[in-house]
Protein backbone atom coordinates (compact mmCIF):
# COMPACT_ATOMS: atom_id res chain seq x y z
CA UNK A 1 -30.96 160.37 90.75
CA UNK A 2 -26.97 159.18 91.24
CA UNK A 3 -24.57 162.00 91.11
CA UNK A 4 -20.46 162.03 90.32
CA UNK A 5 -19.53 164.21 93.06
CA UNK A 6 -16.51 164.13 91.04
CA UNK A 7 -18.48 165.56 87.87
CA UNK A 8 -21.42 167.32 88.66
CA UNK A 9 -19.94 169.20 91.61
CA UNK A 10 -17.48 170.53 90.56
CA UNK A 11 -18.48 173.82 91.34
CA UNK A 12 -20.16 173.01 94.41
CA UNK A 13 -22.49 170.46 95.85
CA UNK A 14 -25.63 169.96 93.90
CA UNK A 15 -26.87 167.88 96.90
CA UNK A 16 -26.56 170.43 99.86
CA UNK A 17 -27.91 169.15 103.11
CA UNK A 18 -28.07 165.19 101.33
CA UNK A 19 -24.85 165.26 100.56
CA UNK A 20 -23.58 162.09 101.39
CA UNK A 21 -20.15 163.45 102.11
CA UNK A 22 -20.36 165.87 104.61
CA UNK A 23 -18.87 163.69 107.62
CA UNK A 24 -15.57 163.84 105.00
CA UNK A 25 -16.45 167.42 105.26
CA UNK A 26 -16.76 168.13 108.02
CA UNK A 27 -13.45 166.02 108.99
CA UNK A 28 -11.57 167.54 106.46
CA UNK A 29 -12.76 171.52 108.14
CA UNK A 30 -11.31 169.97 111.40
CA UNK A 31 -8.46 168.80 110.17
CA UNK A 32 -7.22 172.01 108.41
CA UNK A 33 -8.39 174.13 111.52
CA UNK A 34 -6.69 172.22 114.48
CA UNK A 35 -3.67 171.31 112.56
CA UNK A 36 -0.79 173.93 111.79
CA UNK A 37 0.81 174.64 108.18
CA UNK A 38 4.48 173.51 109.24
CA UNK A 39 2.58 170.04 110.44
CA UNK A 40 0.95 169.78 107.39
CA UNK A 41 3.98 170.45 105.32
CA UNK A 42 6.27 167.59 107.61
CA UNK A 43 3.02 164.95 107.10
CA UNK A 44 3.48 165.56 103.07
CA UNK A 45 7.26 165.11 103.41
CA UNK A 46 6.94 162.20 105.32
CA UNK A 47 4.18 160.50 103.13
CA UNK A 48 6.65 161.64 100.07
CA UNK A 49 10.00 160.49 102.22
CA UNK A 50 8.35 156.91 102.68
CA UNK A 51 7.17 156.33 99.08
CA UNK A 52 10.46 157.19 97.36
CA UNK A 53 11.83 154.09 100.28
CA UNK A 54 8.67 152.13 99.13
CA UNK A 55 10.01 152.52 95.31
CA UNK A 56 13.08 151.76 96.35
CA UNK A 57 12.97 148.85 97.80
CA UNK A 58 11.23 147.38 95.18
CA UNK A 59 12.89 145.87 91.80
CA UNK A 60 11.93 147.25 88.68
CA UNK A 61 8.84 146.77 86.66
CA UNK A 62 9.43 145.87 83.13
CA UNK A 63 7.11 146.49 80.33
CA UNK A 64 7.54 144.81 77.02
CA UNK A 65 5.40 146.27 73.91
CA UNK A 66 3.33 143.72 72.32
CA UNK A 67 3.46 143.27 69.31
């Protein structure tokens, strides 16, 4: 049986200990425990700033309607 985690597990994991994504859960829990909220906000701010610079350095993309 194939499980689509995004759909089947939205109310909690349906596979329990057999979940192939447990390693990610452990890593996320460790990150949340070990990282202060201020550090997380600084990381998010930096990511947004980098994305804005990346977008500004690219030429505009034109989308022409088909017709």
